[in-house]
Full PDB file with SEQRES, HELIX, SHEET, SSBOND, CRYST1, ORIGX, SCALE, CONECT and MASTER records, all heavy atoms in Angstrom:
SEQRES   1 A   37  THR SER GLU VAL GLU VAL ILE LYS LEU LEU ILE THR SER          
SEQRES   2 A   37  TYR PHE ASN ILE VAL LYS ARG THR MET ILE ASP MET VAL          
SEQRES   3 A   37  PRO LYS ALA ILE MET TYR THR LEU VAL GLN PHE                  
HELIX    1 AA1 SER A    2  ILE A   30  1                                  29    
HELIX    2 AA2 MET A   31  VAL A   35  3                                   5    
CRYST1    1.000    1.000    1.000  90.00  90.00  90.00 P 1           1          
ORIGX1      1.000000  0.000000  0.000000        0.00000                         
ORIGX2      0.000000  1.000000  0.000000        0.00000                         
ORIGX3      0.000000  0.000000  1.000000        0.00000                         
SCALE1      1.000000  0.000000  0.000000        0.00000                         
SCALE2      0.000000  1.000000  0.000000        0.00000                         
SCALE3      0.000000  0.000000  1.000000        0.00000                         
ATOM      1  N   THR A   1     -10.979 -16.731  18.187  1.00  0.00           N  
ATOM      2  CA  THR A   1     -10.993 -16.949  16.741  1.00  0.00           C  
ATOM      3  C   THR A   1     -11.734 -15.818  16.036  1.00  0.00           C  
ATOM      4  O   THR A   1     -11.285 -15.301  15.000  1.00  0.00           O  
ATOM      5  CB  THR A   1     -11.656 -18.293  16.411  1.00  0.00           C  
ATOM      6  OG1 THR A   1     -10.918 -19.344  17.046  1.00  0.00           O  
ATOM      7  CG2 THR A   1     -11.697 -18.527  14.904  1.00  0.00           C  
ATOM      8  N   SER A   2     -12.854 -15.407  16.603  1.00  0.00           N  
ATOM      9  CA  SER A   2     -13.622 -14.305  16.012  1.00  0.00           C  
ATOM     10  C   SER A   2     -12.810 -13.016  16.009  1.00  0.00           C  
ATOM     11  O   SER A   2     -12.764 -12.279  15.011  1.00  0.00           O  
ATOM     12  CB  SER A   2     -14.929 -14.095  16.784  1.00  0.00           C  
ATOM     13  OG  SER A   2     -15.733 -15.258  16.731  1.00  0.00           O  
ATOM     14  N   GLU A   3     -12.157 -12.742  17.136  1.00  0.00           N  
ATOM     15  CA  GLU A   3     -11.380 -11.508  17.229  1.00  0.00           C  
ATOM     16  C   GLU A   3     -10.220 -11.504  16.218  1.00  0.00           C  
ATOM     17  O   GLU A   3      -9.954 -10.486  15.564  1.00  0.00           O  
ATOM     18  CB  GLU A   3     -10.839 -11.348  18.648  1.00  0.00           C  
ATOM     19  CG  GLU A   3     -11.916 -11.047  19.684  1.00  0.00           C  
ATOM     20  CD  GLU A   3     -11.352 -11.005  21.092  1.00  0.00           C  
ATOM     21  OE1 GLU A   3     -10.199 -11.472  21.262  1.00  0.00           O  
ATOM     22  OE2 GLU A   3     -12.033 -10.506  21.985  1.00  0.00           O  
ATOM     23  N   VAL A   4      -9.551 -12.652  16.119  1.00  0.00           N  
ATOM     24  CA  VAL A   4      -8.425 -12.746  15.193  1.00  0.00           C  
ATOM     25  C   VAL A   4      -8.893 -12.564  13.758  1.00  0.00           C  
ATOM     26  O   VAL A   4      -8.259 -11.863  12.952  1.00  0.00           O  
ATOM     27  CB  VAL A   4      -7.697 -14.105  15.364  1.00  0.00           C  
ATOM     28  CG1 VAL A   4      -6.721 -14.340  14.206  1.00  0.00           C  
ATOM     29  CG2 VAL A   4      -6.954 -14.131  16.693  1.00  0.00           C  
ATOM     30  N   GLU A   5     -10.016 -13.162  13.423  1.00  0.00           N  
ATOM     31  CA  GLU A   5     -10.531 -13.036  12.061  1.00  0.00           C  
ATOM     32  C   GLU A   5     -10.907 -11.594  11.744  1.00  0.00           C  
ATOM     33  O   GLU A   5     -10.696 -11.107  10.625  1.00  0.00           O  
ATOM     34  CB  GLU A   5     -11.747 -13.953  11.864  1.00  0.00           C  
ATOM     35  CG  GLU A   5     -11.420 -15.428  11.825  1.00  0.00           C  
ATOM     36  CD  GLU A   5     -10.455 -15.757  10.711  1.00  0.00           C  
ATOM     37  OE1 GLU A   5     -10.616 -15.215   9.591  1.00  0.00           O  
ATOM     38  OE2 GLU A   5      -9.500 -16.530  10.956  1.00  0.00           O  
ATOM     39  N   VAL A   6     -11.478 -10.904  12.734  1.00  0.00           N  
ATOM     40  CA  VAL A   6     -11.821  -9.494  12.531  1.00  0.00           C  
ATOM     41  C   VAL A   6     -10.550  -8.676  12.279  1.00  0.00           C  
ATOM     42  O   VAL A   6     -10.479  -7.853  11.350  1.00  0.00           O  
ATOM     43  CB  VAL A   6     -12.591  -8.934  13.748  1.00  0.00           C  
ATOM     44  CG1 VAL A   6     -12.716  -7.412  13.654  1.00  0.00           C  
ATOM     45  CG2 VAL A   6     -13.965  -9.565  13.842  1.00  0.00           C  
ATOM     46  N   ILE A   7      -9.526  -8.922  13.119  1.00  0.00           N  
ATOM     47  CA  ILE A   7      -8.255  -8.208  12.947  1.00  0.00           C  
ATOM     48  C   ILE A   7      -7.673  -8.481  11.559  1.00  0.00           C  
ATOM     49  O   ILE A   7      -7.188  -7.576  10.864  1.00  0.00           O  
ATOM     50  CB  ILE A   7      -7.254  -8.628  14.038  1.00  0.00           C  
ATOM     51  CG1 ILE A   7      -7.663  -8.049  15.390  1.00  0.00           C  
ATOM     52  CG2 ILE A   7      -5.840  -8.172  13.679  1.00  0.00           C  
ATOM     53  CD1 ILE A   7      -7.490  -6.560  15.502  1.00  0.00           C  
ATOM     54  N   LYS A   8      -7.698  -9.723  11.124  1.00  0.00           N  
ATOM     55  CA  LYS A   8      -7.132 -10.091   9.822  1.00  0.00           C  
ATOM     56  C   LYS A   8      -7.877  -9.398   8.686  1.00  0.00           C  
ATOM     57  O   LYS A   8      -7.268  -8.951   7.702  1.00  0.00           O  
ATOM     58  CB  LYS A   8      -7.164 -11.607   9.630  1.00  0.00           C  
ATOM     59  CG  LYS A   8      -6.161 -12.334  10.527  1.00  0.00           C  
ATOM     60  CD  LYS A   8      -6.313 -13.846  10.470  1.00  0.00           C  
ATOM     61  CE  LYS A   8      -5.834 -14.396   9.153  1.00  0.00           C  
ATOM     62  NZ  LYS A   8      -5.874 -15.875   9.145  1.00  0.00           N  
ATOM     63  N   LEU A   9      -9.201  -9.324   8.796  1.00  0.00           N  
ATOM     64  CA  LEU A   9      -9.972  -8.624   7.764  1.00  0.00           C  
ATOM     65  C   LEU A   9      -9.586  -7.152   7.700  1.00  0.00           C  
ATOM     66  O   LEU A   9      -9.421  -6.573   6.620  1.00  0.00           O  
ATOM     67  CB  LEU A   9     -11.466  -8.764   8.035  1.00  0.00           C  
ATOM     68  CG  LEU A   9     -12.141 -10.063   7.582  1.00  0.00           C  
ATOM     69  CD1 LEU A   9     -13.598 -10.076   8.026  1.00  0.00           C  
ATOM     70  CD2 LEU A   9     -12.060 -10.196   6.072  1.00  0.00           C  
ATOM     71  N   LEU A  10      -9.439  -6.537   8.870  1.00  0.00           N  
ATOM     72  CA  LEU A  10      -9.091  -5.121   8.905  1.00  0.00           C  
ATOM     73  C   LEU A  10      -7.678  -4.889   8.356  1.00  0.00           C  
ATOM     74  O   LEU A  10      -7.437  -3.933   7.611  1.00  0.00           O  
ATOM     75  CB  LEU A  10      -9.188  -4.603  10.344  1.00  0.00           C  
ATOM     76  CG  LEU A  10     -10.593  -4.603  10.960  1.00  0.00           C  
ATOM     77  CD1 LEU A  10     -10.540  -4.172  12.420  1.00  0.00           C  
ATOM     78  CD2 LEU A  10     -11.533  -3.697  10.175  1.00  0.00           C  
ATOM     79  N   ILE A  11      -6.745  -5.781   8.745  1.00  0.00           N  
ATOM     80  CA  ILE A  11      -5.363  -5.646   8.246  1.00  0.00           C  
ATOM     81  C   ILE A  11      -5.328  -5.804   6.735  1.00  0.00           C  
ATOM     82  O   ILE A  11      -4.689  -5.011   6.024  1.00  0.00           O  
ATOM     83  CB  ILE A  11      -4.458  -6.701   8.921  1.00  0.00           C  
ATOM     84  CG1 ILE A  11      -4.275  -6.364  10.408  1.00  0.00           C  
ATOM     85  CG2 ILE A  11      -3.095  -6.763   8.223  1.00  0.00           C  
ATOM     86  CD1 ILE A  11      -3.560  -7.456  11.185  1.00  0.00           C  
ATOM     87  N   THR A  12      -6.009  -6.821   6.225  1.00  0.00           N  
ATOM     88  CA  THR A  12      -6.031  -7.057   4.783  1.00  0.00           C  
ATOM     89  C   THR A  12      -6.602  -5.863   4.037  1.00  0.00           C  
ATOM     90  O   THR A  12      -6.061  -5.414   3.014  1.00  0.00           O  
ATOM     91  CB  THR A  12      -6.851  -8.314   4.457  1.00  0.00           C  
ATOM     92  OG1 THR A  12      -6.271  -9.438   5.116  1.00  0.00           O  
ATOM     93  CG2 THR A  12      -6.895  -8.561   2.955  1.00  0.00           C  
ATOM     94  N   SER A  13      -7.712  -5.320   4.558  1.00  0.00           N  
ATOM     95  CA  SER A  13      -8.358  -4.185   3.911  1.00  0.00           C  
ATOM     96  C   SER A  13      -7.425  -2.986   3.857  1.00  0.00           C  
ATOM     97  O   SER A  13      -7.226  -2.374   2.798  1.00  0.00           O  
ATOM     98  CB  SER A  13      -9.645  -3.821   4.658  1.00  0.00           C  
ATOM     99  OG  SER A  13     -10.206  -2.637   4.119  1.00  0.00           O  
ATOM    100  N   TYR A  14      -6.803  -2.652   5.006  1.00  0.00           N  
ATOM    101  CA  TYR A  14      -5.972  -1.448   5.028  1.00  0.00           C  
ATOM    102  C   TYR A  14      -4.658  -1.660   4.273  1.00  0.00           C  
ATOM    103  O   TYR A  14      -4.176  -0.759   3.573  1.00  0.00           O  
ATOM    104  CB  TYR A  14      -5.681  -1.034   6.475  1.00  0.00           C  
ATOM    105  CG  TYR A  14      -5.130   0.370   6.550  1.00  0.00           C  
ATOM    106  CD1 TYR A  14      -5.989   1.480   6.509  1.00  0.00           C  
ATOM    107  CD2 TYR A  14      -3.764   0.608   6.616  1.00  0.00           C  
ATOM    108  CE1 TYR A  14      -5.493   2.775   6.539  1.00  0.00           C  
ATOM    109  CE2 TYR A  14      -3.269   1.896   6.650  1.00  0.00           C  
ATOM    110  CZ  TYR A  14      -4.136   2.980   6.609  1.00  0.00           C  
ATOM    111  OH  TYR A  14      -3.643   4.248   6.626  1.00  0.00           O  
ATOM    112  N   PHE A  15      -4.076  -2.875   4.412  1.00  0.00           N  
ATOM    113  CA  PHE A  15      -2.806  -3.141   3.735  1.00  0.00           C  
ATOM    114  C   PHE A  15      -2.976  -3.087   2.214  1.00  0.00           C  
ATOM    115  O   PHE A  15      -2.076  -2.643   1.496  1.00  0.00           O  
ATOM    116  CB  PHE A  15      -2.269  -4.505   4.169  1.00  0.00           C  
ATOM    117  CG  PHE A  15      -0.810  -4.702   3.857  1.00  0.00           C  
ATOM    118  CD1 PHE A  15       0.138  -3.748   4.205  1.00  0.00           C  
ATOM    119  CD2 PHE A  15      -0.367  -5.835   3.204  1.00  0.00           C  
ATOM    120  CE1 PHE A  15       1.481  -3.923   3.921  1.00  0.00           C  
ATOM    121  CE2 PHE A  15       0.973  -6.021   2.911  1.00  0.00           C  
ATOM    122  CZ  PHE A  15       1.900  -5.061   3.276  1.00  0.00           C  
ATOM    123  N   ASN A  16      -4.114  -3.506   1.708  1.00  0.00           N  
ATOM    124  CA  ASN A  16      -4.377  -3.405   0.264  1.00  0.00           C  
ATOM    125  C   ASN A  16      -4.450  -1.952  -0.184  1.00  0.00           C  
ATOM    126  O   ASN A  16      -4.019  -1.604  -1.295  1.00  0.00           O  
ATOM    127  CB  ASN A  16      -5.677  -4.133  -0.092  1.00  0.00           C  
ATOM    128  CG  ASN A  16      -5.508  -5.641  -0.084  1.00  0.00           C  
ATOM    129  OD1 ASN A  16      -4.395  -6.149  -0.177  1.00  0.00           O  
ATOM    130  ND2 ASN A  16      -6.611  -6.365   0.054  1.00  0.00           N  
ATOM    131  N   ILE A  17      -5.003  -1.087   0.686  1.00  0.00           N  
ATOM    132  CA  ILE A  17      -5.035   0.343   0.364  1.00  0.00           C  
ATOM    133  C   ILE A  17      -3.610   0.890   0.259  1.00  0.00           C  
ATOM    134  O   ILE A  17      -3.264   1.618  -0.679  1.00  0.00           O  
ATOM    135  CB  ILE A  17      -5.827   1.122   1.443  1.00  0.00           C  
ATOM    136  CG1 ILE A  17      -7.306   0.712   1.407  1.00  0.00           C  
ATOM    137  CG2 ILE A  17      -5.684   2.630   1.236  1.00  0.00           C  
ATOM    138  CD1 ILE A  17      -8.116   1.280   2.557  1.00  0.00           C  
ATOM    139  N   VAL A  18      -2.765   0.492   1.229  1.00  0.00           N  
ATOM    140  CA  VAL A  18      -1.375   0.958   1.231  1.00  0.00           C  
ATOM    141  C   VAL A  18      -0.640   0.422  -0.004  1.00  0.00           C  
ATOM    142  O   VAL A  18       0.145   1.142  -0.640  1.00  0.00           O  
ATOM    143  CB  VAL A  18      -0.659   0.519   2.519  1.00  0.00           C  
ATOM    144  CG1 VAL A  18       0.826   0.898   2.466  1.00  0.00           C  
ATOM    145  CG2 VAL A  18      -1.318   1.161   3.735  1.00  0.00           C  
ATOM    146  N   LYS A  19      -0.871  -0.829  -0.343  1.00  0.00           N  
ATOM    147  CA  LYS A  19      -0.229  -1.416  -1.524  1.00  0.00           C  
ATOM    148  C   LYS A  19      -0.563  -0.624  -2.777  1.00  0.00           C  
ATOM    149  O   LYS A  19       0.314  -0.302  -3.590  1.00  0.00           O  
ATOM    150  CB  LYS A  19      -0.675  -2.874  -1.706  1.00  0.00           C  
ATOM    151  CG  LYS A  19      -0.017  -3.868  -0.783  1.00  0.00           C  
ATOM    152  CD  LYS A  19      -0.523  -5.273  -1.123  1.00  0.00           C  
ATOM    153  CE  LYS A  19       0.106  -6.330  -0.247  1.00  0.00           C  
ATOM    154  NZ  LYS A  19      -0.393  -7.677  -0.597  1.00  0.00           N  
ATOM    155  N   ARG A  20      -1.845  -0.324  -2.944  1.00  0.00           N  
ATOM    156  CA  ARG A  20      -2.257   0.441  -4.123  1.00  0.00           C  
ATOM    157  C   ARG A  20      -1.592   1.812  -4.140  1.00  0.00           C  
ATOM    158  O   ARG A  20      -1.178   2.314  -5.193  1.00  0.00           O  
ATOM    159  CB  ARG A  20      -3.782   0.572  -4.171  1.00  0.00           C  
ATOM    160  CG  ARG A  20      -4.517  -0.727  -4.467  1.00  0.00           C  
ATOM    161  CD  ARG A  20      -5.969  -0.468  -4.839  1.00  0.00           C  
ATOM    162  NE  ARG A  20      -6.720   0.113  -3.744  1.00  0.00           N  
ATOM    163  CZ  ARG A  20      -7.375  -0.580  -2.804  1.00  0.00           C  
ATOM    164  NH1 ARG A  20      -7.329  -1.914  -2.844  1.00  0.00           N  
ATOM    165  NH2 ARG A  20      -8.047   0.015  -1.853  1.00  0.00           N  
ATOM    166  N   THR A  21      -1.490   2.418  -2.960  1.00  0.00           N  
ATOM    167  CA  THR A  21      -0.857   3.732  -2.873  1.00  0.00           C  
ATOM    168  C   THR A  21       0.621   3.647  -3.260  1.00  0.00           C  
ATOM    169  O   THR A  21       1.134   4.483  -4.022  1.00  0.00           O  
ATOM    170  CB  THR A  21      -0.990   4.294  -1.447  1.00  0.00           C  
ATOM    171  OG1 THR A  21      -2.377   4.365  -1.095  1.00  0.00           O  
ATOM    172  CG2 THR A  21      -0.365   5.683  -1.357  1.00  0.00           C  
ATOM    173  N   MET A  22       1.321   2.626  -2.756  1.00  0.00           N  
ATOM    174  CA  MET A  22       2.747   2.471  -3.062  1.00  0.00           C  
ATOM    175  C   MET A  22       2.963   2.155  -4.545  1.00  0.00           C  
ATOM    176  O   MET A  22       3.891   2.681  -5.168  1.00  0.00           O  
ATOM    177  CB  MET A  22       3.350   1.352  -2.198  1.00  0.00           C  
ATOM    178  CG  MET A  22       3.474   1.691  -0.728  1.00  0.00           C  
ATOM    179  SD  MET A  22       4.604   3.065  -0.398  1.00  0.00           S  
ATOM    180  CE  MET A  22       3.452   4.404  -0.169  1.00  0.00           C  
ATOM    181  N   ILE A  23       2.135   1.287  -5.107  1.00  0.00           N  
ATOM    182  CA  ILE A  23       2.261   0.945  -6.525  1.00  0.00           C  
ATOM    183  C   ILE A  23       2.088   2.188  -7.390  1.00  0.00           C  
ATOM    184  O   ILE A  23       2.685   2.312  -8.464  1.00  0.00           O  
ATOM    185  CB  ILE A  23       1.234  -0.145  -6.902  1.00  0.00           C  
ATOM    186  CG1 ILE A  23       1.638  -1.482  -6.264  1.00  0.00           C  
ATOM    187  CG2 ILE A  23       1.112  -0.302  -8.412  1.00  0.00           C  
ATOM    188  CD1 ILE A  23       0.596  -2.573  -6.419  1.00  0.00           C  
ATOM    189  N   ASP A  24       1.318   3.154  -6.894  1.00  0.00           N  
ATOM    190  CA  ASP A  24       1.103   4.391  -7.639  1.00  0.00           C  
ATOM    191  C   ASP A  24       2.187   5.429  -7.353  1.00  0.00           C  
ATOM    192  O   ASP A  24       2.679   6.092  -8.276  1.00  0.00           O  
ATOM    193  CB  ASP A  24      -0.267   4.966  -7.270  1.00  0.00           C  
ATOM    194  CG  ASP A  24      -0.563   6.264  -8.012  1.00  0.00           C  
ATOM    195  OD1 ASP A  24      -0.454   6.265  -9.260  1.00  0.00           O  
ATOM    196  OD2 ASP A  24      -0.873   7.267  -7.357  1.00  0.00           O  
ATOM    197  N   MET A  25       2.577   5.557  -6.079  1.00  0.00           N  
ATOM    198  CA  MET A  25       3.430   6.674  -5.687  1.00  0.00           C  
ATOM    199  C   MET A  25       4.928   6.402  -5.865  1.00  0.00           C  
ATOM    200  O   MET A  25       5.684   7.316  -6.219  1.00  0.00           O  
ATOM    201  CB  MET A  25       3.151   7.046  -4.219  1.00  0.00           C  
ATOM    202  CG  MET A  25       1.780   7.632  -3.995  1.00  0.00           C  
ATOM    203  SD  MET A  25       1.490   9.117  -5.002  1.00  0.00           S  
ATOM    204  CE  MET A  25       2.744  10.212  -4.351  1.00  0.00           C  
ATOM    205  N   VAL A  26       5.376   5.177  -5.608  1.00  0.00           N  
ATOM    206  CA  VAL A  26       6.815   4.897  -5.703  1.00  0.00           C  
ATOM    207  C   VAL A  26       7.334   5.131  -7.126  1.00  0.00           C  
ATOM    208  O   VAL A  26       8.366   5.785  -7.312  1.00  0.00           O  
ATOM    209  CB  VAL A  26       7.129   3.475  -5.197  1.00  0.00           C  
ATOM    210  CG1 VAL A  26       8.557   3.064  -5.570  1.00  0.00           C  
ATOM    211  CG2 VAL A  26       6.951   3.411  -3.680  1.00  0.00           C  
ATOM    212  N   PRO A  27       6.660   4.611  -8.179  1.00  0.00           N  
ATOM    213  CA  PRO A  27       7.125   4.939  -9.532  1.00  0.00           C  
ATOM    214  C   PRO A  27       7.153   6.439  -9.807  1.00  0.00           C  
ATOM    215  O   PRO A  27       8.052   6.936 -10.494  1.00  0.00           O  
ATOM    216  CB  PRO A  27       6.115   4.218 -10.438  1.00  0.00           C  
ATOM    217  CG  PRO A  27       5.635   3.075  -9.618  1.00  0.00           C  
ATOM    218  CD  PRO A  27       5.576   3.611  -8.218  1.00  0.00           C  
ATOM    219  N   LYS A  28       6.171   7.165  -9.262  1.00  0.00           N  
ATOM    220  CA  LYS A  28       6.154   8.613  -9.456  1.00  0.00           C  
ATOM    221  C   LYS A  28       7.368   9.260  -8.787  1.00  0.00           C  
ATOM    222  O   LYS A  28       7.990  10.178  -9.344  1.00  0.00           O  
ATOM    223  CB  LYS A  28       4.861   9.203  -8.892  1.00  0.00           C  
ATOM    224  CG  LYS A  28       3.618   8.845  -9.691  1.00  0.00           C  
ATOM    225  CD  LYS A  28       2.363   9.443  -9.080  1.00  0.00           C  
ATOM    226  CE  LYS A  28       1.131   9.106  -9.920  1.00  0.00           C  
ATOM    227  NZ  LYS A  28      -0.110   9.647  -9.343  1.00  0.00           N  
ATOM    228  N   ALA A  29       7.690   8.768  -7.596  1.00  0.00           N  
ATOM    229  CA  ALA A  29       8.846   9.322  -6.886  1.00  0.00           C  
ATOM    230  C   ALA A  29      10.136   9.039  -7.650  1.00  0.00           C  
ATOM    231  O   ALA A  29      11.004   9.917  -7.788  1.00  0.00           O  
ATOM    232  CB  ALA A  29       8.912   8.721  -5.485  1.00  0.00           C  
ATOM    233  N   ILE A  30      10.273   7.821  -8.166  1.00  0.00           N  
ATOM    234  CA  ILE A  30      11.480   7.454  -8.906  1.00  0.00           C  
ATOM    235  C   ILE A  30      11.573   8.260 -10.200  1.00  0.00           C  
ATOM    236  O   ILE A  30      12.650   8.735 -10.579  1.00  0.00           O  
ATOM    237  CB  ILE A  30      11.489   5.941  -9.199  1.00  0.00           C  
ATOM    238  CG1 ILE A  30      11.562   5.151  -7.891  1.00  0.00           C  
ATOM    239  CG2 ILE A  30      12.654   5.568 -10.106  1.00  0.00           C  
ATOM    240  CD1 ILE A  30      11.422   3.655  -8.060  1.00  0.00           C  
ATOM    241  N   MET A  31      10.455   8.421 -10.874  1.00  0.00           N  
ATOM    242  CA  MET A  31      10.458   9.221 -12.099  1.00  0.00           C  
ATOM    243  C   MET A  31      10.849  10.666 -11.797  1.00  0.00           C  
ATOM    244  O   MET A  31      11.639  11.272 -12.537  1.00  0.00           O  
ATOM    245  CB  MET A  31       9.072   9.186 -12.751  1.00  0.00           C  
ATOM    246  CG  MET A  31       8.739   7.901 -13.478  1.00  0.00           C  
ATOM    247  SD  MET A  31       9.818   7.576 -14.894  1.00  0.00           S  
ATOM    248  CE  MET A  31       9.446   8.985 -15.938  1.00  0.00           C  
ATOM    249  N   TYR A  32      10.338  11.208 -10.702  1.00  0.00           N  
ATOM    250  CA  TYR A  32      10.561  12.621 -10.391  1.00  0.00           C  
ATOM    251  C   TYR A  32      12.018  12.898 -10.032  1.00  0.00           C  
ATOM    252  O   TYR A  32      12.624  13.847 -10.551  1.00  0.00           O  
ATOM    253  CB  TYR A  32       9.641  13.037  -9.241  1.00  0.00           C  
ATOM    254  CG  TYR A  32       9.862  14.444  -8.747  1.00  0.00           C  
ATOM    255  CD1 TYR A  32       9.594  15.542  -9.565  1.00  0.00           C  
ATOM    256  CD2 TYR A  32      10.355  14.680  -7.464  1.00  0.00           C  
ATOM    257  CE1 TYR A  32       9.806  16.841  -9.121  1.00  0.00           C  
ATOM    258  CE2 TYR A  32      10.576  15.968  -7.010  1.00  0.00           C  
ATOM    259  CZ  TYR A  32      10.308  17.047  -7.845  1.00  0.00           C  
ATOM    260  OH  TYR A  32      10.524  18.329  -7.406  1.00  0.00           O  
ATOM    261  N   THR A  33      12.583  12.093  -9.147  1.00  0.00           N  
ATOM    262  CA  THR A  33      13.917  12.405  -8.622  1.00  0.00           C  
ATOM    263  C   THR A  33      15.053  11.709  -9.365  1.00  0.00           C  
ATOM    264  O   THR A  33      16.216  12.089  -9.196  1.00  0.00           O  
ATOM    265  CB  THR A  33      14.009  12.012  -7.132  1.00  0.00           C  
ATOM    266  OG1 THR A  33      13.676  10.618  -6.999  1.00  0.00           O  
ATOM    267  CG2 THR A  33      13.056  12.846  -6.303  1.00  0.00           C  
ATOM    268  N   LEU A  34      14.755  10.691 -10.197  1.00  0.00           N  
ATOM    269  CA  LEU A  34      15.823   9.965 -10.876  1.00  0.00           C  
ATOM    270  C   LEU A  34      15.695  10.067 -12.394  1.00  0.00           C  
ATOM    271  O   LEU A  34      16.542  10.664 -13.065  1.00  0.00           O  
ATOM    272  CB  LEU A  34      15.823   8.495 -10.438  1.00  0.00           C  
ATOM    273  CG  LEU A  34      16.917   7.602 -11.053  1.00  0.00           C  
ATOM    274  CD1 LEU A  34      18.295   8.146 -10.753  1.00  0.00           C  
ATOM    275  CD2 LEU A  34      16.771   6.169 -10.552  1.00  0.00           C  
ATOM    276  N   VAL A  35      14.627   9.519 -12.950  1.00  0.00           N  
ATOM    277  CA  VAL A  35      14.513   9.443 -14.408  1.00  0.00           C  
ATOM    278  C   VAL A  35      14.320  10.826 -15.028  1.00  0.00           C  
ATOM    279  O   VAL A  35      15.092  11.259 -15.883  1.00  0.00           O  
ATOM    280  CB  VAL A  35      13.358   8.499 -14.806  1.00  0.00           C  
ATOM    281  CG1 VAL A  35      13.243   8.420 -16.332  1.00  0.00           C  
ATOM    282  CG2 VAL A  35      13.589   7.112 -14.227  1.00  0.00           C  
ATOM    283  N   GLN A  36      13.279  11.528 -14.583  1.00  0.00           N  
ATOM    284  CA  GLN A  36      12.983  12.835 -15.172  1.00  0.00           C  
ATOM    285  C   GLN A  36      14.081  13.843 -14.860  1.00  0.00           C  
ATOM    286  O   GLN A  36      14.449  14.660 -15.712  1.00  0.00           O  
ATOM    287  CB  GLN A  36      11.638  13.352 -14.650  1.00  0.00           C  
ATOM    288  CG  GLN A  36      11.150  14.636 -15.328  1.00  0.00           C  
ATOM    289  CD  GLN A  36      10.850  14.435 -16.796  1.00  0.00           C  
ATOM    290  OE1 GLN A  36      10.306  13.397 -17.182  1.00  0.00           O  
ATOM    291  NE2 GLN A  36      11.194  15.413 -17.638  1.00  0.00           N  
ATOM    292  N   PHE A  37      14.627  13.755 -13.665  1.00  0.00           N  
ATOM    293  CA  PHE A  37      15.666  14.708 -13.281  1.00  0.00           C  
ATOM    294  C   PHE A  37      16.911  14.525 -14.148  1.00  0.00           C  
ATOM    295  O   PHE A  37      17.495  15.505 -14.617  1.00  0.00           O  
ATOM    296  CB  PHE A  37      16.015  14.531 -11.798  1.00  0.00           C  
ATOM    297  CG  PHE A  37      16.999  15.550 -11.291  1.00  0.00           C  
ATOM    298  CD1 PHE A  37      16.593  16.835 -10.980  1.00  0.00           C  
ATOM    299  CD2 PHE A  37      18.349  15.219 -11.134  1.00  0.00           C  
ATOM    300  CE1 PHE A  37      17.501  17.785 -10.522  1.00  0.00           C  
ATOM    301  CE2 PHE A  37      19.257  16.154 -10.684  1.00  0.00           C  
ATOM    302  CZ  PHE A  37      18.837  17.442 -10.368  1.00  0.00           C  
TER     303      PHE A  37                                                      
MASTER        0    0    0    2    0    0    0    6  302    1    0    3          
END                                                                             
């Protein structure tokens, strides 16, 4: 149980970082190659 909880905390922490990155970068990519282009 302890090991699983540690893994879950680490996954949540890193996945939130990735989410923030995607929320920032995907719109930029779409703007660059589709809208702005």
